[in-house]
PDB file of N, CA and C in Angstrom:
ATOM      1  N   UNK A   1    -227.091 -10.987  23.243  1.00  0.00           N
ATOM      2  CA  UNK A   1    -228.387 -11.591  23.399  1.00  0.00           C
ATOM      3  C   UNK A   1    -229.022 -11.219  24.740  1.00  0.00           C
ATOM      4  N   UNK A   2    -228.242 -11.207  25.811  1.00  0.00           N
ATOM      5  CA  UNK A   2    -228.780 -10.857  27.122  1.00  0.00           C
ATOM      6  C   UNK A   2    -229.334  -9.441  27.133  1.00  0.00           C
ATOM      7  N   UNK A   3    -228.703  -8.544  26.375  1.00  0.00           N
ATOM      8  CA  UNK A   3    -229.175  -7.174  26.275  1.00  0.00           C
ATOM      9  C   UNK A   3    -230.593  -7.129  25.703  1.00  0.00           C
ATOM     10  N   UNK A   4    -230.881  -7.977  24.723  1.00  0.00           N
ATOM     11  CA  UNK A   4    -232.217  -8.018  24.129  1.00  0.00           C
ATOM     12  C   UNK A   4    -233.259  -8.440  25.157  1.00  0.00           C
ATOM     13  N   UNK A   5    -232.908  -9.381  26.019  1.00  0.00           N
ATOM     14  CA  UNK A   5    -233.830  -9.805  27.070  1.00  0.00           C
ATOM     15  C   UNK A   5    -234.080  -8.679  28.063  1.00  0.00           C
ATOM     16  N   UNK A   6    -233.045  -7.951  28.417  1.00  0.00           N
ATOM     17  CA  UNK A   6    -233.201  -6.833  29.345  1.00  0.00           C
ATOM     18  C   UNK A   6    -234.112  -5.766  28.752  1.00  0.00           C
ATOM     19  N   UNK A   7    -233.961  -5.483  27.472  1.00  0.00           N
ATOM     20  CA  UNK A   7    -234.818  -4.497  26.806  1.00  0.00           C
ATOM     21  C   UNK A   7    -236.266  -4.979  26.814  1.00  0.00           C
ATOM     22  N   UNK A   8    -236.471  -6.259  26.507  1.00  0.00           N
ATOM     23  CA  UNK A   8    -237.826  -6.809  26.492  1.00  0.00           C
ATOM     24  C   UNK A   8    -238.464  -6.762  27.885  1.00  0.00           C
ATOM     25  N   UNK A   9    -237.677  -7.065  28.901  1.00  0.00           N
ATOM     26  CA  UNK A   9    -238.206  -7.015  30.270  1.00  0.00           C
ATOM     27  C   UNK A   9    -238.547  -5.586  30.661  1.00  0.00           C
ATOM     28  N   UNK A  10    -237.700  -4.626  30.302  1.00  0.00           N
ATOM     29  CA  UNK A  10    -238.003  -3.226  30.603  1.00  0.00           C
ATOM     30  C   UNK A  10    -239.254  -2.764  29.870  1.00  0.00           C
ATOM     31  N   UNK A  11    -239.425  -3.193  28.622  1.00  0.00           N
ATOM     32  CA  UNK A  11    -240.645  -2.835  27.893  1.00  0.00           C
ATOM     33  C   UNK A  11    -241.875  -3.412  28.583  1.00  0.00           C
ATOM     34  N   UNK A  12    -241.784  -4.660  29.010  1.00  0.00           N
ATOM     35  CA  UNK A  12    -242.883  -5.300  29.729  1.00  0.00           C
ATOM     36  C   UNK A  12    -243.198  -4.542  31.015  1.00  0.00           C
ATOM     37  N   UNK A  13    -242.156  -4.209  31.784  1.00  0.00           N
ATOM     38  CA  UNK A  13    -242.353  -3.473  33.030  1.00  0.00           C
ATOM     39  C   UNK A  13    -242.963  -2.102  32.776  1.00  0.00           C
ATOM     40  N   UNK A  14    -242.505  -1.430  31.737  1.00  0.00           N
ATOM     41  CA  UNK A  14    -243.043  -0.108  31.412  1.00  0.00           C
ATOM     42  C   UNK A  14    -244.530  -0.182  31.086  1.00  0.00           C
ATOM     43  N   UNK A  15    -244.919  -1.203  30.326  1.00  0.00           N
ATOM     44  CA  UNK A  15    -246.342  -1.388  30.005  1.00  0.00           C
ATOM     45  C   UNK A  15    -247.156  -1.666  31.260  1.00  0.00           C
ATOM     46  N   UNK A  16    -246.643  -2.543  32.123  1.00  0.00           N
ATOM     47  CA  UNK A  16    -247.348  -2.877  33.363  1.00  0.00           C
ATOM     48  C   UNK A  16    -247.444  -1.672  34.290  1.00  0.00           C
ATOM     49  N   UNK A  17    -246.375  -0.872  34.373  1.00  0.00           N
ATOM     50  CA  UNK A  17    -246.380   0.317  35.227  1.00  0.00           C
ATOM     51  C   UNK A  17    -247.400   1.327  34.719  1.00  0.00           C
ATOM     52  N   UNK A  18    -247.436   1.553  33.411  1.00  0.00           N
ATOM     53  CA  UNK A  18    -248.395   2.505  32.841  1.00  0.00           C
ATOM     54  C   UNK A  18    -249.830   2.049  33.101  1.00  0.00           C
ATOM     55  N   UNK A  19    -250.104   0.771  32.914  1.00  0.00           N
ATOM     56  CA  UNK A  19    -251.450   0.254  33.147  1.00  0.00           C
ATOM     57  C   UNK A  19    -251.826   0.359  34.623  1.00  0.00           C
ATOM     58  N   UNK A  20    -250.894   0.042  35.499  1.00  0.00           N
ATOM     59  CA  UNK A  20    -251.156   0.092  36.934  1.00  0.00           C
ATOM     60  C   UNK A  20    -251.399   1.520  37.392  1.00  0.00           C
ATOM     61  N   UNK A  21    -250.644   2.476  36.857  1.00  0.00           N
ATOM     62  CA  UNK A  21    -250.872   3.880  37.200  1.00  0.00           C
ATOM     63  C   UNK A  21    -252.265   4.323  36.775  1.00  0.00           C
ATOM     64  N   UNK A  22    -252.716   3.866  35.605  1.00  0.00           N
ATOM     65  CA  UNK A  22    -254.060   4.201  35.133  1.00  0.00           C
ATOM     66  C   UNK A  22    -255.120   3.601  36.065  1.00  0.00           C
ATOM     67  N   UNK A  23    -254.947   2.323  36.425  1.00  0.00           N
ATOM     68  CA  UNK A  23    -255.895   1.680  37.329  1.00  0.00           C
ATOM     69  C   UNK A  23    -255.910   2.358  38.692  1.00  0.00           C
ATOM     70  N   UNK A  24    -254.738   2.775  39.161  1.00  0.00           N
ATOM     71  CA  UNK A  24    -254.650   3.460  40.449  1.00  0.00           C
ATOM     72  C   UNK A  24    -255.398   4.785  40.412  1.00  0.00           C
ATOM     73  N   UNK A  25    -255.223   5.550  39.347  1.00  0.00           N
ATOM     74  CA  UNK A  25    -255.941   6.827  39.229  1.00  0.00           C
ATOM     75  C   UNK A  25    -257.448   6.596  39.180  1.00  0.00           C
ATOM     76  N   UNK A  26    -257.892   5.571  38.444  1.00  0.00           N
ATOM     77  CA  UNK A  26    -259.319   5.266  38.378  1.00  0.00           C
ATOM     78  C   UNK A  26    -259.863   4.882  39.750  1.00  0.00           C
ATOM     79  N   UNK A  27    -259.120   4.075  40.485  1.00  0.00           N
ATOM     80  CA  UNK A  27    -259.555   3.661  41.817  1.00  0.00           C
ATOM     81  C   UNK A  27    -259.618   4.853  42.771  1.00  0.00           C
ATOM     82  N   UNK A  28    -258.651   5.768  42.660  1.00  0.00           N
ATOM     83  CA  UNK A  28    -258.663   6.949  43.514  1.00  0.00           C
ATOM     84  C   UNK A  28    -259.826   7.871  43.181  1.00  0.00           C
ATOM     85  N   UNK A  29    -260.180   7.962  41.895  1.00  0.00           N
ATOM     86  CA  UNK A  29    -261.331   8.785  41.507  1.00  0.00           C
ATOM     87  C   UNK A  29    -262.630   8.234  42.085  1.00  0.00           C
ATOM     88  N   UNK A  30    -262.698   6.894  42.180  1.00  0.00           N
ATOM     89  CA  UNK A  30    -263.903   6.241  42.703  1.00  0.00           C
ATOM     90  C   UNK A  30    -263.872   6.104  44.222  1.00  0.00           C
ATOM     91  N   UNK A  31    -262.802   6.584  44.852  1.00  0.00           N
ATOM     92  CA  UNK A  31    -262.604   6.457  46.301  1.00  0.00           C
ATOM     93  C   UNK A  31    -262.672   5.008  46.757  1.00  0.00           C
ATOM     94  N   UNK A  32    -262.112   4.118  45.958  1.00  0.00           N
ATOM     95  CA  UNK A  32    -262.067   2.691  46.272  1.00  0.00           C
ATOM     96  C   UNK A  32    -260.746   2.409  46.981  1.00  0.00           C
ATOM     97  N   UNK A  33    -260.792   2.395  48.304  1.00  0.00           N
ATOM     98  CA  UNK A  33    -259.578   2.283  49.105  1.00  0.00           C
ATOM     99  C   UNK A  33    -258.875   0.946  48.907  1.00  0.00           C
ATOM    100  N   UNK A  34    -259.639  -0.136  48.849  1.00  0.00           N
ATOM    101  CA  UNK A  34    -259.030  -1.459  48.691  1.00  0.00           C
ATOM    102  C   UNK A  34    -258.287  -1.563  47.365  1.00  0.00           C
ATOM    103  N   UNK A  35    -258.898  -1.127  46.288  1.00  0.00           N
ATOM    104  CA  UNK A  35    -258.242  -1.178  44.982  1.00  0.00           C
ATOM    105  C   UNK A  35    -257.051  -0.223  44.928  1.00  0.00           C
ATOM    106  N   UNK A  36    -257.192   0.933  45.543  1.00  0.00           N
ATOM    107  CA  UNK A  36    -256.082   1.894  45.567  1.00  0.00           C
ATOM    108  C   UNK A  36    -254.861   1.294  46.253  1.00  0.00           C
ATOM    109  N   UNK A  37    -255.080   0.636  47.367  1.00  0.00           N
ATOM    110  CA  UNK A  37    -253.968   0.011  48.082  1.00  0.00           C
ATOM    111  C   UNK A  37    -253.354  -1.113  47.262  1.00  0.00           C
ATOM    112  N   UNK A  38    -254.203  -1.902  46.614  1.00  0.00           N
ATOM    113  CA  UNK A  38    -253.717  -3.003  45.796  1.00  0.00           C
ATOM    114  C   UNK A  38    -252.823  -2.485  44.672  1.00  0.00           C
ATOM    115  N   UNK A  39    -253.316  -1.487  43.927  1.00  0.00           N
ATOM    116  CA  UNK A  39    -252.548  -0.969  42.801  1.00  0.00           C
ATOM    117  C   UNK A  39    -251.307  -0.205  43.252  1.00  0.00           C
ATOM    118  N   UNK A  40    -251.378   0.465  44.393  1.00  0.00           N
ATOM    119  CA  UNK A  40    -250.192   1.145  44.919  1.00  0.00           C
ATOM    120  C   UNK A  40    -249.119   0.117  45.277  1.00  0.00           C
ATOM    121  N   UNK A  41    -249.519  -0.992  45.871  1.00  0.00           N
ATOM    122  CA  UNK A  41    -248.564  -2.049  46.189  1.00  0.00           C
ATOM    123  C   UNK A  41    -247.976  -2.681  44.943  1.00  0.00           C
ATOM    124  N   UNK A  42    -248.834  -2.893  43.957  1.00  0.00           N
ATOM    125  CA  UNK A  42    -248.349  -3.472  42.703  1.00  0.00           C
ATOM    126  C   UNK A  42    -247.348  -2.529  42.031  1.00  0.00           C
ATOM    127  N   UNK A  43    -247.645  -1.249  42.071  1.00  0.00           N
ATOM    128  CA  UNK A  43    -246.745  -0.251  41.482  1.00  0.00           C
ATOM    129  C   UNK A  43    -245.399  -0.238  42.207  1.00  0.00           C
ATOM    130  N   UNK A  44    -245.425  -0.353  43.531  1.00  0.00           N
ATOM    131  CA  UNK A  44    -244.175  -0.422  44.309  1.00  0.00           C
ATOM    132  C   UNK A  44    -243.358  -1.645  43.913  1.00  0.00           C
ATOM    133  N   UNK A  45    -244.020  -2.789  43.768  1.00  0.00           N
ATOM    134  CA  UNK A  45    -243.312  -4.007  43.390  1.00  0.00           C
ATOM    135  C   UNK A  45    -242.682  -3.887  42.003  1.00  0.00           C
ATOM    136  N   UNK A  46    -243.422  -3.352  41.055  1.00  0.00           N
ATOM    137  CA  UNK A  46    -242.883  -3.188  39.704  1.00  0.00           C
ATOM    138  C   UNK A  46    -241.689  -2.247  39.693  1.00  0.00           C
ATOM    139  N   UNK A  47    -241.775  -1.165  40.448  1.00  0.00           N
ATOM    140  CA  UNK A  47    -240.647  -0.231  40.517  1.00  0.00           C
ATOM    141  C   UNK A  47    -239.447  -0.853  41.231  1.00  0.00           C
ATOM    142  N   UNK A  48    -239.711  -1.703  42.232  1.00  0.00           N
ATOM    143  CA  UNK A  48    -238.608  -2.409  42.901  1.00  0.00           C
ATOM    144  C   UNK A  48    -237.914  -3.360  41.944  1.00  0.00           C
ATOM    145  N   UNK A  49    -238.672  -4.046  41.116  1.00  0.00           N
ATOM    146  CA  UNK A  49    -238.082  -4.938  40.118  1.00  0.00           C
ATOM    147  C   UNK A  49    -237.217  -4.139  39.150  1.00  0.00           C
ATOM    148  N   UNK A  50    -237.731  -3.003  38.715  1.00  0.00           N
ATOM    149  CA  UNK A  50    -236.961  -2.160  37.792  1.00  0.00           C
ATOM    150  C   UNK A  50    -235.668  -1.677  38.445  1.00  0.00           C
ATOM    151  N   UNK A  51    -235.736  -1.252  39.695  1.00  0.00           N
ATOM    152  CA  UNK A  51    -234.537  -0.783  40.391  1.00  0.00           C
ATOM    153  C   UNK A  51    -233.520  -1.911  40.559  1.00  0.00           C
ATOM    154  N   UNK A  52    -233.985  -3.122  40.826  1.00  0.00           N
ATOM    155  CA  UNK A  52    -233.081  -4.267  40.924  1.00  0.00           C
ATOM    156  C   UNK A  52    -232.378  -4.501  39.590  1.00  0.00           C
ATOM    157  N   UNK A  53    -233.125  -4.434  38.516  1.00  0.00           N
ATOM    158  CA  UNK A  53    -232.525  -4.634  37.192  1.00  0.00           C
ATOM    159  C   UNK A  53    -231.479  -3.575  36.897  1.00  0.00           C
ATOM    160  N   UNK A  54    -231.794  -2.335  37.221  1.00  0.00           N
ATOM    161  CA  UNK A  54    -230.842  -1.243  36.975  1.00  0.00           C
ATOM    162  C   UNK A  54    -229.559  -1.473  37.765  1.00  0.00           C
ATOM    163  N   UNK A  55    -229.698  -1.926  39.003  1.00  0.00           N
ATOM    164  CA  UNK A  55    -228.526  -2.096  39.869  1.00  0.00           C
ATOM    165  C   UNK A  55    -227.717  -3.348  39.536  1.00  0.00           C
ATOM    166  N   UNK A  56    -228.379  -4.436  39.158  1.00  0.00           N
ATOM    167  CA  UNK A  56    -227.694  -5.722  39.064  1.00  0.00           C
ATOM    168  C   UNK A  56    -227.530  -6.273  37.652  1.00  0.00           C
ATOM    169  N   UNK A  57    -228.403  -5.913  36.724  1.00  0.00           N
ATOM    170  CA  UNK A  57    -228.432  -6.600  35.437  1.00  0.00           C
ATOM    171  C   UNK A  57    -228.065  -5.702  34.258  1.00  0.00           C
ATOM    172  N   UNK A  58    -228.581  -4.494  34.241  1.00  0.00           N
ATOM    173  CA  UNK A  58    -228.420  -3.626  33.073  1.00  0.00           C
ATOM    174  C   UNK A  58    -226.967  -3.261  32.804  1.00  0.00           C
ATOM    175  N   UNK A  59    -226.661  -3.086  31.545  1.00  0.00           N
ATOM    176  CA  UNK A  59    -225.349  -2.577  31.161  1.00  0.00           C
ATOM    177  C   UNK A  59    -225.242  -1.119  31.591  1.00  0.00           C
ATOM    178  N   UNK A  60    -224.114  -0.742  32.102  1.00  0.00           N
ATOM    179  CA  UNK A  60    -223.933   0.632  32.600  1.00  0.00           C
ATOM    180  C   UNK A  60    -223.842   1.648  31.469  1.00  0.00           C
ATOM    181  N   UNK A  61    -223.609   1.184  30.247  1.00  0.00           N
ATOM    182  CA  UNK A  61    -223.416   2.080  29.109  1.00  0.00           C
ATOM    183  C   UNK A  61    -224.706   2.360  28.338  1.00  0.00           C
ATOM    184  N   UNK A  62    -225.823   1.808  28.802  1.00  0.00           N
ATOM    185  CA  UNK A  62    -227.066   1.965  28.026  1.00  0.00           C
ATOM    186  C   UNK A  62    -228.225   2.267  28.947  1.00  0.00           C
ATOM    187  N   UNK A  63    -229.125   3.156  28.493  1.00  0.00           N
ATOM    188  CA  UNK A  63    -230.350   3.453  29.232  1.00  0.00           C
ATOM    189  C   UNK A  63    -231.477   2.624  28.618  1.00  0.00           C
ATOM    190  N   UNK A  64    -232.218   1.921  29.434  1.00  0.00           N
ATOM    191  CA  UNK A  64    -233.202   0.969  28.933  1.00  0.00           C
ATOM    192  C   UNK A  64    -234.621   1.500  28.938  1.00  0.00           C
ATOM    193  N   UNK A  65    -234.899   2.521  29.694  1.00  0.00           N
ATOM    194  CA  UNK A  65    -236.275   3.042  29.758  1.00  0.00           C
ATOM    195  C   UNK A  65    -236.248   4.537  29.831  1.00  0.00           C
TER     196      UNK A  65
END
C-alpha cells in the first residue's frame, strides 16, 4: 500500500514540475524577473522533495519517475 502512495506522490510531483517548467519558460520569454525567480524557486523545492523521497522513502528495487 505504501508503494501506491509513493507512486501517486511522484505522479503529482511530475505534474507540478512540468507545469512549473512551462510557467518558468513563459516568464523568461516575457522577461518577467520576479515571476522567473518565483518559478525557479518553486522548481528547486519540488526537485528537493523528489530527491528526499528517492533517498528516504522509495523502494530501491523500483524506479518511480
